[in-house]
């Protein structure tokens, strides 16, 4: 079992603190859900852990290795951002070999979700198709821990259920942190769920706590 330990994470923008001494731990074999209103810092937290944004303070470790640079994260952390990141002129089948080890590449290529796009270049995909391909590439990438920011955005209910199944499948050997506004799907797929509110993480034990912390209205 491997452990991702993100601790002492703080971040302010223009004098406004959005993350205050945040600690988040995820182990392989589990899915950790991250909820919060717009602007509370969920994406910023994932970016700091992934190394694409620098915190005012931060301590990020995978097992005994402290993450201080992007090379440190290679093979340890893969991150799905909200914006598209795939090169437009490459075919999907070639991207699979770039993101995945040979065994994982074979498994992903055999998935019905991605097979219709294997011979397409990225520029020919719709926004929803591109988002789906990106989720699949990150889920099957060669990393111990997967960070997913809004993976269900633009997906149909049927495809969302299939992706949730793949998240559970990949979590048998990986640790996954997932943030999405579709809170029911996050709660459904997660082993533990945290709410980012007031610059801190609060562990959520049940649906009613989301109402108590004013994330959800009382009558939902």
C-alpha atoms as a PDB file:
ATOM      1  CA  UNK A   1       0.000   0.000   0.000  1.00  0.00           C
ATOM      2  CA  UNK A   2       1.207   3.510  -0.890  1.00  0.00           C
ATOM      3  CA  UNK A   3       0.182   6.765   0.751  1.00  0.00           C
ATOM      4  CA  UNK A   4      -0.148  10.299  -0.588  1.00  0.00           C
ATOM      5  CA  UNK A   5       0.263  12.810   2.235  1.00  0.00           C
ATOM      6  CA  UNK A   6      -0.497  16.451   1.412  1.00  0.00           C
ATOM      7  CA  UNK A   7      -0.078  18.660   4.470  1.00  0.00           C
ATOM      8  CA  UNK A   8       0.400  22.270   5.602  1.00  0.00           C
ATOM      9  CA  UNK A   9      -1.056  23.578   2.339  1.00  0.00           C
ATOM     10  CA  UNK A  10      -1.891  27.279   2.368  1.00  0.00           C
ATOM     11  CA  UNK A  11      -2.725  29.630  -0.492  1.00  0.00           C
ATOM     12  CA  UNK A  12      -3.880  33.231  -0.766  1.00  0.00           C
ATOM     13  CA  UNK A  13      -4.789  35.331  -3.802  1.00  0.00           C
ATOM     14  CA  UNK A  14      -4.585  39.128  -3.527  1.00  0.00           C
ATOM     15  CA  UNK A  15      -4.554  38.901   0.262  1.00  0.00           C
ATOM     16  CA  UNK A  16      -7.586  36.590   0.363  1.00  0.00           C
ATOM     17  CA  UNK A  17      -6.855  33.218   1.952  1.00  0.00           C
ATOM     18  CA  UNK A  18      -8.565  30.276   0.252  1.00  0.00           C
ATOM     19  CA  UNK A  19      -6.560  27.395   1.742  1.00  0.00           C
ATOM     20  CA  UNK A  20      -5.520  27.440   5.387  1.00  0.00           C
ATOM     21  CA  UNK A  21      -3.227  24.646   6.600  1.00  0.00           C
ATOM     22  CA  UNK A  22      -5.065  21.950   4.600  1.00  0.00           C
ATOM     23  CA  UNK A  23      -4.174  18.288   5.140  1.00  0.00           C
ATOM     24  CA  UNK A  24      -5.359  15.514   2.830  1.00  0.00           C
ATOM     25  CA  UNK A  25      -4.294  11.864   2.892  1.00  0.00           C
ATOM     26  CA  UNK A  26      -5.134   9.237   0.284  1.00  0.00           C
ATOM     27  CA  UNK A  27      -4.024   5.608   0.128  1.00  0.00           C
ATOM     28  CA  UNK A  28      -3.932   3.198  -2.768  1.00  0.00           C
ATOM     29  CA  UNK A  29      -7.044   1.066  -2.836  1.00  0.00           C
ATOM     30  CA  UNK A  30      -9.341   3.991  -2.014  1.00  0.00           C
ATOM     31  CA  UNK A  31     -11.266   6.877  -3.576  1.00  0.00           C
ATOM     32  CA  UNK A  32     -11.357  10.225  -1.762  1.00  0.00           C
ATOM     33  CA  UNK A  33     -14.094  12.706  -2.684  1.00  0.00           C
ATOM     34  CA  UNK A  34     -13.620  16.473  -2.516  1.00  0.00           C
ATOM     35  CA  UNK A  35     -16.649  18.781  -2.507  1.00  0.00           C
ATOM     36  CA  UNK A  36     -17.061  22.535  -2.126  1.00  0.00           C
ATOM     37  CA  UNK A  37     -18.762  25.564  -3.576  1.00  0.00           C
ATOM     38  CA  UNK A  38     -17.312  27.525  -6.497  1.00  0.00           C
ATOM     39  CA  UNK A  39     -14.289  29.541  -5.464  1.00  0.00           C
ATOM     40  CA  UNK A  40     -13.535  27.626  -2.278  1.00  0.00           C
ATOM     41  CA  UNK A  41     -10.218  26.321  -3.624  1.00  0.00           C
ATOM     42  CA  UNK A  42     -10.862  22.722  -4.700  1.00  0.00           C
ATOM     43  CA  UNK A  43      -9.115  23.094  -8.044  1.00  0.00           C
ATOM     44  CA  UNK A  44      -6.307  25.109  -6.466  1.00  0.00           C
ATOM     45  CA  UNK A  45      -5.729  22.338  -3.921  1.00  0.00           C
ATOM     46  CA  UNK A  46      -5.483  19.705  -6.659  1.00  0.00           C
ATOM     47  CA  UNK A  47      -3.171  21.941  -8.697  1.00  0.00           C
ATOM     48  CA  UNK A  48      -0.858  22.399  -5.711  1.00  0.00           C
ATOM     49  CA  UNK A  49      -0.736  18.658  -5.089  1.00  0.00           C
ATOM     50  CA  UNK A  50      -0.087  18.037  -8.802  1.00  0.00           C
ATOM     51  CA  UNK A  51       2.674  20.657  -8.870  1.00  0.00           C
ATOM     52  CA  UNK A  52       1.088  22.929 -11.493  1.00  0.00           C
ATOM     53  CA  UNK A  53       0.545  25.696  -8.893  1.00  0.00           C
ATOM     54  CA  UNK A  54       2.820  26.533  -5.970  1.00  0.00           C
ATOM     55  CA  UNK A  55       1.267  26.933  -2.536  1.00  0.00           C
ATOM     56  CA  UNK A  56       2.327  29.632  -0.106  1.00  0.00           C
ATOM     57  CA  UNK A  57       3.319  26.632   1.986  1.00  0.00           C
ATOM     58  CA  UNK A  58       3.062  22.939   1.202  1.00  0.00           C
ATOM     59  CA  UNK A  59       4.377  19.514   2.113  1.00  0.00           C
ATOM     60  CA  UNK A  60       3.545  16.715  -0.324  1.00  0.00           C
ATOM     61  CA  UNK A  61       4.906  13.214   0.011  1.00  0.00           C
ATOM     62  CA  UNK A  62       4.257   9.849  -1.621  1.00  0.00           C
ATOM     63  CA  UNK A  63       5.479   7.126   0.697  1.00  0.00           C
ATOM     64  CA  UNK A  64       9.002   8.265   1.687  1.00  0.00           C
ATOM     65  CA  UNK A  65       9.538  10.586  -1.285  1.00  0.00           C
ATOM     66  CA  UNK A  66       8.858  14.297  -0.832  1.00  0.00           C
ATOM     67  CA  UNK A  67       7.441  15.928  -3.971  1.00  0.00           C
ATOM     68  CA  UNK A  68       9.458  19.085  -4.667  1.00  0.00           C
ATOM     69  CA  UNK A  69       9.388  19.157  -8.496  1.00  0.00           C
ATOM     70  CA  UNK A  70       7.489  17.784 -11.489  1.00  0.00           C
ATOM     71  CA  UNK A  71      10.051  15.004 -12.098  1.00  0.00           C
ATOM     72  CA  UNK A  72       9.380  13.811  -8.525  1.00  0.00           C
ATOM     73  CA  UNK A  73       5.715  13.373  -9.421  1.00  0.00           C
ATOM     74  CA  UNK A  74       6.349  11.252 -12.523  1.00  0.00           C
ATOM     75  CA  UNK A  75       4.967   7.789 -11.863  1.00  0.00           C
ATOM     76  CA  UNK A  76       3.470   8.970  -8.590  1.00  0.00           C
ATOM     77  CA  UNK A  77       0.809  11.554  -9.538  1.00  0.00           C
ATOM     78  CA  UNK A  78      -1.347  12.096 -12.622  1.00  0.00           C
ATOM     79  CA  UNK A  79      -3.713  15.058 -12.806  1.00  0.00           C
ATOM     80  CA  UNK A  80      -6.855  15.679 -14.863  1.00  0.00           C
ATOM     81  CA  UNK A  81      -7.358  19.467 -15.104  1.00  0.00           C
ATOM     82  CA  UNK A  82     -10.625  21.126 -16.066  1.00  0.00           C
ATOM     83  CA  UNK A  83      -9.136  22.513 -19.290  1.00  0.00           C
ATOM     84  CA  UNK A  84      -8.292  20.355 -22.293  1.00  0.00           C
ATOM     85  CA  UNK A  85      -4.634  19.350 -22.450  1.00  0.00           C
ATOM     86  CA  UNK A  86      -4.294  16.970 -25.409  1.00  0.00           C
ATOM     87  CA  UNK A  87      -2.321  17.945 -28.553  1.00  0.00           C
ATOM     88  CA  UNK A  88      -4.796  18.451 -31.381  1.00  0.00           C
ATOM     89  CA  UNK A  89      -2.988  16.703 -34.227  1.00  0.00           C
ATOM     90  CA  UNK A  90      -2.292  13.308 -32.627  1.00  0.00           C
ATOM     91  CA  UNK A  91      -4.506  10.263 -33.021  1.00  0.00           C
ATOM     92  CA  UNK A  92      -6.034   8.851 -29.871  1.00  0.00           C
ATOM     93  CA  UNK A  93      -4.414   5.432 -30.387  1.00  0.00           C
ATOM     94  CA  UNK A  94      -0.966   7.064 -30.266  1.00  0.00           C
ATOM     95  CA  UNK A  95      -1.828   9.018 -27.122  1.00  0.00           C
ATOM     96  CA  UNK A  96      -2.602   5.790 -25.293  1.00  0.00           C
ATOM     97  CA  UNK A  97       0.976   4.542 -25.673  1.00  0.00           C
ATOM     98  CA  UNK A  98       2.261   7.923 -24.441  1.00  0.00           C
ATOM     99  CA  UNK A  99       0.203   7.898 -21.259  1.00  0.00           C
ATOM    100  CA  UNK A 100       0.077   4.184 -20.426  1.00  0.00           C
ATOM    101  CA  UNK A 101       2.431   1.300 -19.861  1.00  0.00           C
ATOM    102  CA  UNK A 102       2.039  -1.513 -22.434  1.00  0.00           C
ATOM    103  CA  UNK A 103      -0.248  -3.681 -20.288  1.00  0.00           C
ATOM    104  CA  UNK A 104      -2.518  -0.772 -19.386  1.00  0.00           C
ATOM    105  CA  UNK A 105      -2.485   0.435 -22.995  1.00  0.00           C
ATOM    106  CA  UNK A 106      -3.825  -2.916 -24.184  1.00  0.00           C
ATOM    107  CA  UNK A 107      -6.551  -2.872 -21.547  1.00  0.00           C
ATOM    108  CA  UNK A 108      -7.608   0.683 -22.347  1.00  0.00           C
ATOM    109  CA  UNK A 109      -7.576   0.091 -26.106  1.00  0.00           C
ATOM    110  CA  UNK A 110      -9.969  -2.805 -25.575  1.00  0.00           C
ATOM    111  CA  UNK A 111     -12.527  -0.652 -23.747  1.00  0.00           C
ATOM    112  CA  UNK A 112     -15.698   0.008 -25.722  1.00  0.00           C
ATOM    113  CA  UNK A 113     -15.755   3.582 -24.394  1.00  0.00           C
ATOM    114  CA  UNK A 114     -12.602   4.547 -26.277  1.00  0.00           C
ATOM    115  CA  UNK A 115     -12.694   2.264 -29.319  1.00  0.00           C
ATOM    116  CA  UNK A 116     -14.822   4.616 -31.497  1.00  0.00           C
ATOM    117  CA  UNK A 117     -12.117   7.292 -31.135  1.00  0.00           C
ATOM    118  CA  UNK A 118      -8.927   5.268 -31.586  1.00  0.00           C
ATOM    119  CA  UNK A 119      -8.301   6.356 -35.179  1.00  0.00           C
ATOM    120  CA  UNK A 120      -9.512   9.941 -34.718  1.00  0.00           C
ATOM    121  CA  UNK A 121      -7.231  12.907 -34.201  1.00  0.00           C
ATOM    122  CA  UNK A 122      -8.020  15.021 -31.156  1.00  0.00           C
ATOM    123  CA  UNK A 123      -9.082  18.026 -33.264  1.00  0.00           C
ATOM    124  CA  UNK A 124     -11.947  15.964 -34.726  1.00  0.00           C
ATOM    125  CA  UNK A 125     -13.443  15.121 -31.331  1.00  0.00           C
ATOM    126  CA  UNK A 126     -16.339  17.033 -29.816  1.00  0.00           C
ATOM    127  CA  UNK A 127     -15.854  18.667 -26.431  1.00  0.00           C
ATOM    128  CA  UNK A 128     -17.584  15.796 -24.646  1.00  0.00           C
ATOM    129  CA  UNK A 129     -15.642  13.140 -26.558  1.00  0.00           C
ATOM    130  CA  UNK A 130     -12.357  14.879 -25.824  1.00  0.00           C
ATOM    131  CA  UNK A 131     -13.229  15.083 -22.125  1.00  0.00           C
ATOM    132  CA  UNK A 132     -14.044  11.374 -22.042  1.00  0.00           C
ATOM    133  CA  UNK A 133     -10.762  10.435 -23.722  1.00  0.00           C
ATOM    134  CA  UNK A 134      -8.831  12.614 -21.278  1.00  0.00           C
ATOM    135  CA  UNK A 135     -10.492  10.965 -18.258  1.00  0.00           C
ATOM    136  CA  UNK A 136      -9.686   7.508 -19.619  1.00  0.00           C
ATOM    137  CA  UNK A 137      -6.055   8.369 -20.369  1.00  0.00           C
ATOM    138  CA  UNK A 138      -5.479   9.724 -16.860  1.00  0.00           C
ATOM    139  CA  UNK A 139      -7.255   6.822 -15.165  1.00  0.00           C
ATOM    140  CA  UNK A 140      -5.075   4.300 -17.013  1.00  0.00           C
ATOM    141  CA  UNK A 141      -1.858   6.321 -16.779  1.00  0.00           C
ATOM    142  CA  UNK A 142       1.247   5.031 -15.042  1.00  0.00           C
ATOM    143  CA  UNK A 143       0.806   6.627 -11.608  1.00  0.00           C
ATOM    144  CA  UNK A 144       0.098   5.483  -8.081  1.00  0.00           C
ATOM    145  CA  UNK A 145      -2.295   8.376  -7.474  1.00  0.00           C
ATOM    146  CA  UNK A 146      -4.862   9.996  -9.764  1.00  0.00           C
ATOM    147  CA  UNK A 147      -6.278  13.513  -9.252  1.00  0.00           C
ATOM    148  CA  UNK A 148      -9.548  14.116 -11.123  1.00  0.00           C
ATOM    149  CA  UNK A 149     -10.973  17.638 -11.383  1.00  0.00           C
ATOM    150  CA  UNK A 150     -14.544  17.635 -12.775  1.00  0.00           C
ATOM    151  CA  UNK A 151     -14.259  14.257 -14.571  1.00  0.00           C
ATOM    152  CA  UNK A 152     -18.046  13.984 -15.083  1.00  0.00           C
ATOM    153  CA  UNK A 153     -18.393  17.363 -16.804  1.00  0.00           C
ATOM    154  CA  UNK A 154     -20.168  16.993 -20.140  1.00  0.00           C
ATOM    155  CA  UNK A 155     -20.780  13.262 -19.742  1.00  0.00           C
ATOM    156  CA  UNK A 156     -24.182  11.623 -20.165  1.00  0.00           C
ATOM    157  CA  UNK A 157     -25.690   9.770 -17.185  1.00  0.00           C
ATOM    158  CA  UNK A 158     -24.907   6.415 -18.824  1.00  0.00           C
ATOM    159  CA  UNK A 159     -21.284   7.329 -19.523  1.00  0.00           C
ATOM    160  CA  UNK A 160     -20.938   8.757 -16.005  1.00  0.00           C
ATOM    161  CA  UNK A 161     -21.976   5.403 -14.539  1.00  0.00           C
ATOM    162  CA  UNK A 162     -19.428   3.617 -16.725  1.00  0.00           C
ATOM    163  CA  UNK A 163     -16.670   6.018 -15.644  1.00  0.00           C
ATOM    164  CA  UNK A 164     -17.618   5.526 -11.990  1.00  0.00           C
ATOM    165  CA  UNK A 165     -17.215   1.795 -12.526  1.00  0.00           C
ATOM    166  CA  UNK A 166     -13.760   2.337 -14.031  1.00  0.00           C
ATOM    167  CA  UNK A 167     -12.782   4.597 -11.135  1.00  0.00           C
ATOM    168  CA  UNK A 168     -13.666   1.825  -8.690  1.00  0.00           C
ATOM    169  CA  UNK A 169     -11.794  -0.684 -10.830  1.00  0.00           C
ATOM    170  CA  UNK A 170      -8.635   1.423 -11.041  1.00  0.00           C
ATOM    171  CA  UNK A 171      -8.818   2.175  -7.322  1.00  0.00           C
ATOM    172  CA  UNK A 172      -8.072  -1.464  -6.579  1.00  0.00           C
ATOM    173  CA  UNK A 173      -4.406  -0.647  -7.136  1.00  0.00           C
ATOM    174  CA  UNK A 174      -4.349   3.160  -7.191  1.00  0.00           C
ATOM    175  CA  UNK A 175      -5.401   5.998  -4.933  1.00  0.00           C
ATOM    176  CA  UNK A 176      -7.874   8.421  -6.495  1.00  0.00           C
ATOM    177  CA  UNK A 177      -8.945  11.909  -5.421  1.00  0.00           C
ATOM    178  CA  UNK A 178     -12.018  13.208  -7.233  1.00  0.00           C
ATOM    179  CA  UNK A 179     -13.648  16.644  -7.206  1.00  0.00           C
ATOM    180  CA  UNK A 180     -16.881  17.371  -9.071  1.00  0.00           C
ATOM    181  CA  UNK A 181     -20.008  19.485  -8.633  1.00  0.00           C
ATOM    182  CA  UNK A 182     -22.122  16.401  -9.296  1.00  0.00           C
ATOM    183  CA  UNK A 183     -22.052  15.633  -5.595  1.00  0.00           C
ATOM    184  CA  UNK A 184     -24.252  12.543  -5.713  1.00  0.00           C
ATOM    185  CA  UNK A 185     -21.800  10.862  -8.085  1.00  0.00           C
ATOM    186  CA  UNK A 186     -18.846  11.888  -5.903  1.00  0.00           C
ATOM    187  CA  UNK A 187     -20.543  10.504  -2.788  1.00  0.00           C
ATOM    188  CA  UNK A 188     -21.473   7.316  -4.619  1.00  0.00           C
ATOM    189  CA  UNK A 189     -17.958   6.520  -5.803  1.00  0.00           C
ATOM    190  CA  UNK A 190     -15.936   7.705  -2.774  1.00  0.00           C
ATOM    191  CA  UNK A 191     -14.800   5.777   0.284  1.00  0.00           C
ATOM    192  CA  UNK A 192     -14.235   9.049   2.175  1.00  0.00           C
ATOM    193  CA  UNK A 193     -15.570  12.507   1.346  1.00  0.00           C
ATOM    194  CA  UNK A 194     -14.349  15.936   2.448  1.00  0.00           C
ATOM    195  CA  UNK A 195     -15.945  19.355   2.134  1.00  0.00           C
ATOM    196  CA  UNK A 196     -13.688  22.350   1.540  1.00  0.00           C
ATOM    197  CA  UNK A 197     -15.294  25.239   3.373  1.00  0.00           C
ATOM    198  CA  UNK A 198     -13.891  28.285   5.165  1.00  0.00           C
ATOM    199  CA  UNK A 199     -10.343  27.446   3.940  1.00  0.00           C
ATOM    200  CA  UNK A 200     -10.379  24.052   5.707  1.00  0.00           C
ATOM    201  CA  UNK A 201     -11.352  20.469   4.933  1.00  0.00           C
ATOM    202  CA  UNK A 202     -14.181  18.895   6.905  1.00  0.00           C
ATOM    203  CA  UNK A 203     -14.776  15.159   6.762  1.00  0.00           C
ATOM    204  CA  UNK A 204     -18.343  14.342   5.719  1.00  0.00           C
ATOM    205  CA  UNK A 205     -19.971  11.306   7.293  1.00  0.00           C
ATOM    206  CA  UNK A 206     -23.407  11.529   5.696  1.00  0.00           C
ATOM    207  CA  UNK A 207     -25.643  13.529   3.367  1.00  0.00           C
ATOM    208  CA  UNK A 208     -27.136  15.609   6.186  1.00  0.00           C
ATOM    209  CA  UNK A 209     -23.739  17.051   7.088  1.00  0.00           C
ATOM    210  CA  UNK A 210     -23.577  18.672   3.652  1.00  0.00           C
ATOM    211  CA  UNK A 211     -26.800  20.460   4.572  1.00  0.00           C
ATOM    212  CA  UNK A 212     -25.520  21.405   8.019  1.00  0.00           C
ATOM    213  CA  UNK A 213     -22.451  23.041   6.452  1.00  0.00           C
ATOM    214  CA  UNK A 214     -24.726  24.886   3.978  1.00  0.00           C
ATOM    215  CA  UNK A 215     -23.310  23.123   0.937  1.00  0.00           C
ATOM    216  CA  UNK A 216     -26.800  21.862   0.141  1.00  0.00           C
ATOM    217  CA  UNK A 217     -30.229  23.386   0.890  1.00  0.00           C
ATOM    218  CA  UNK A 218     -32.309  21.730   3.598  1.00  0.00           C
ATOM    219  CA  UNK A 219     -35.109  20.772   1.202  1.00  0.00           C
ATOM    220  CA  UNK A 220     -33.043  18.911  -1.400  1.00  0.00           C
END
